[in-house]
């Protein structure tokens, strides 16, 4: 059984802004588009195994469990909180 994964409008705006910055730095629409789609695919993969990522322990609220998905390579790793 899969879970429903929804990306908030704010998160999509943030991803779009990051992709625009990447497009400017790399001068390549293709690079920015590839990065954007890879991040969205990583987020969508949470539908199958959302508990595979560690729980964030910093400032943890007992009521709410927040996890973090790391996406990317060592020096360019993005944290996706959910």
C-alpha atoms as a PDB file:
ATOM      1  CA  UNK A   1       0.000   0.000   0.000  1.00  0.00           C
ATOM      2  CA  UNK A   2       1.404   3.389  -1.003  1.00  0.00           C
ATOM      3  CA  UNK A   3       0.988   6.709   0.715  1.00  0.00           C
ATOM      4  CA  UNK A   4      -0.273   9.896  -0.889  1.00  0.00           C
ATOM      5  CA  UNK A   5       2.548  12.411  -1.354  1.00  0.00           C
ATOM      6  CA  UNK A   6       1.640  16.056  -1.855  1.00  0.00           C
ATOM      7  CA  UNK A   7       4.131  18.835  -2.494  1.00  0.00           C
ATOM      8  CA  UNK A   8       2.916  22.110  -1.037  1.00  0.00           C
ATOM      9  CA  UNK A   9       2.654  25.176  -3.265  1.00  0.00           C
ATOM     10  CA  UNK A  10       5.362  26.883  -1.180  1.00  0.00           C
ATOM     11  CA  UNK A  11       7.731  23.921  -1.620  1.00  0.00           C
ATOM     12  CA  UNK A  12       7.126  23.962  -5.384  1.00  0.00           C
ATOM     13  CA  UNK A  13       7.888  27.693  -5.485  1.00  0.00           C
ATOM     14  CA  UNK A  14      11.096  27.097  -3.523  1.00  0.00           C
ATOM     15  CA  UNK A  15      12.138  24.312  -5.912  1.00  0.00           C
ATOM     16  CA  UNK A  16      11.319  26.519  -8.888  1.00  0.00           C
ATOM     17  CA  UNK A  17      13.465  29.333  -7.475  1.00  0.00           C
ATOM     18  CA  UNK A  18      16.362  26.947  -6.842  1.00  0.00           C
ATOM     19  CA  UNK A  19      16.058  25.598 -10.389  1.00  0.00           C
ATOM     20  CA  UNK A  20      16.077  29.164 -11.756  1.00  0.00           C
ATOM     21  CA  UNK A  21      19.268  29.896  -9.797  1.00  0.00           C
ATOM     22  CA  UNK A  22      20.839  26.710 -11.116  1.00  0.00           C
ATOM     23  CA  UNK A  23      19.858  27.689 -14.663  1.00  0.00           C
ATOM     24  CA  UNK A  24      21.570  31.053 -14.223  1.00  0.00           C
ATOM     25  CA  UNK A  25      24.748  29.549 -12.730  1.00  0.00           C
ATOM     26  CA  UNK A  26      25.049  26.696 -15.215  1.00  0.00           C
ATOM     27  CA  UNK A  27      23.630  28.599 -18.202  1.00  0.00           C
ATOM     28  CA  UNK A  28      21.700  25.434 -19.008  1.00  0.00           C
ATOM     29  CA  UNK A  29      17.958  24.903 -18.973  1.00  0.00           C
ATOM     30  CA  UNK A  30      18.567  21.162 -19.345  1.00  0.00           C
ATOM     31  CA  UNK A  31      20.688  20.947 -16.188  1.00  0.00           C
ATOM     32  CA  UNK A  32      18.102  22.889 -14.168  1.00  0.00           C
ATOM     33  CA  UNK A  33      15.210  20.816 -15.510  1.00  0.00           C
ATOM     34  CA  UNK A  34      17.044  17.554 -14.796  1.00  0.00           C
ATOM     35  CA  UNK A  35      17.763  18.664 -11.210  1.00  0.00           C
ATOM     36  CA  UNK A  36      14.153  19.772 -10.647  1.00  0.00           C
ATOM     37  CA  UNK A  37      12.704  16.507 -11.939  1.00  0.00           C
ATOM     38  CA  UNK A  38      15.171  14.448  -9.887  1.00  0.00           C
ATOM     39  CA  UNK A  39      14.129  16.233  -6.676  1.00  0.00           C
ATOM     40  CA  UNK A  40      10.438  15.749  -7.466  1.00  0.00           C
ATOM     41  CA  UNK A  41      11.084  12.038  -8.194  1.00  0.00           C
ATOM     42  CA  UNK A  42      12.911  11.709  -4.859  1.00  0.00           C
ATOM     43  CA  UNK A  43       9.945  13.274  -3.064  1.00  0.00           C
ATOM     44  CA  UNK A  44       7.492  11.047  -4.950  1.00  0.00           C
ATOM     45  CA  UNK A  45       9.505   7.994  -3.885  1.00  0.00           C
ATOM     46  CA  UNK A  46       8.336   8.648  -0.327  1.00  0.00           C
ATOM     47  CA  UNK A  47       4.981   7.172  -1.318  1.00  0.00           C
ATOM     48  CA  UNK A  48       6.416   3.661  -1.017  1.00  0.00           C
ATOM     49  CA  UNK A  49       8.700   3.810   2.025  1.00  0.00           C
ATOM     50  CA  UNK A  50       8.313   7.088   3.945  1.00  0.00           C
ATOM     51  CA  UNK A  51       9.783   5.634   7.133  1.00  0.00           C
ATOM     52  CA  UNK A  52      13.133   4.837   5.477  1.00  0.00           C
ATOM     53  CA  UNK A  53      14.425   8.316   6.309  1.00  0.00           C
ATOM     54  CA  UNK A  54      15.641   9.281   9.775  1.00  0.00           C
ATOM     55  CA  UNK A  55      13.617  11.297  12.250  1.00  0.00           C
ATOM     56  CA  UNK A  56      14.940  14.793  12.874  1.00  0.00           C
ATOM     57  CA  UNK A  57      15.960  15.038  16.506  1.00  0.00           C
ATOM     58  CA  UNK A  58      16.749  18.762  16.743  1.00  0.00           C
ATOM     59  CA  UNK A  59      13.960  20.654  18.484  1.00  0.00           C
ATOM     60  CA  UNK A  60      11.708  17.654  18.115  1.00  0.00           C
ATOM     61  CA  UNK A  61       8.108  18.084  19.194  1.00  0.00           C
ATOM     62  CA  UNK A  62       6.660  15.047  20.921  1.00  0.00           C
ATOM     63  CA  UNK A  63       3.401  15.403  19.011  1.00  0.00           C
ATOM     64  CA  UNK A  64       4.813  15.734  15.494  1.00  0.00           C
ATOM     65  CA  UNK A  65       7.369  13.419  13.898  1.00  0.00           C
ATOM     66  CA  UNK A  66       9.508  15.146  11.248  1.00  0.00           C
ATOM     67  CA  UNK A  67      11.795  13.175   8.946  1.00  0.00           C
ATOM     68  CA  UNK A  68      14.450  14.299   6.499  1.00  0.00           C
ATOM     69  CA  UNK A  69      15.180  12.936   3.025  1.00  0.00           C
ATOM     70  CA  UNK A  70      18.669  13.725   1.755  1.00  0.00           C
ATOM     71  CA  UNK A  71      18.905  14.199  -2.001  1.00  0.00           C
ATOM     72  CA  UNK A  72      22.026  14.757  -4.047  1.00  0.00           C
ATOM     73  CA  UNK A  73      25.719  14.137  -3.811  1.00  0.00           C
ATOM     74  CA  UNK A  74      27.994  14.889  -0.865  1.00  0.00           C
ATOM     75  CA  UNK A  75      28.838  18.497  -1.603  1.00  0.00           C
ATOM     76  CA  UNK A  76      25.414  19.397  -3.018  1.00  0.00           C
ATOM     77  CA  UNK A  77      23.008  17.584  -0.769  1.00  0.00           C
ATOM     78  CA  UNK A  78      19.529  19.001  -0.219  1.00  0.00           C
ATOM     79  CA  UNK A  79      17.458  18.299   2.869  1.00  0.00           C
ATOM     80  CA  UNK A  80      13.793  17.631   2.278  1.00  0.00           C
ATOM     81  CA  UNK A  81      11.773  17.738   5.493  1.00  0.00           C
ATOM     82  CA  UNK A  82       8.435  15.975   5.757  1.00  0.00           C
END
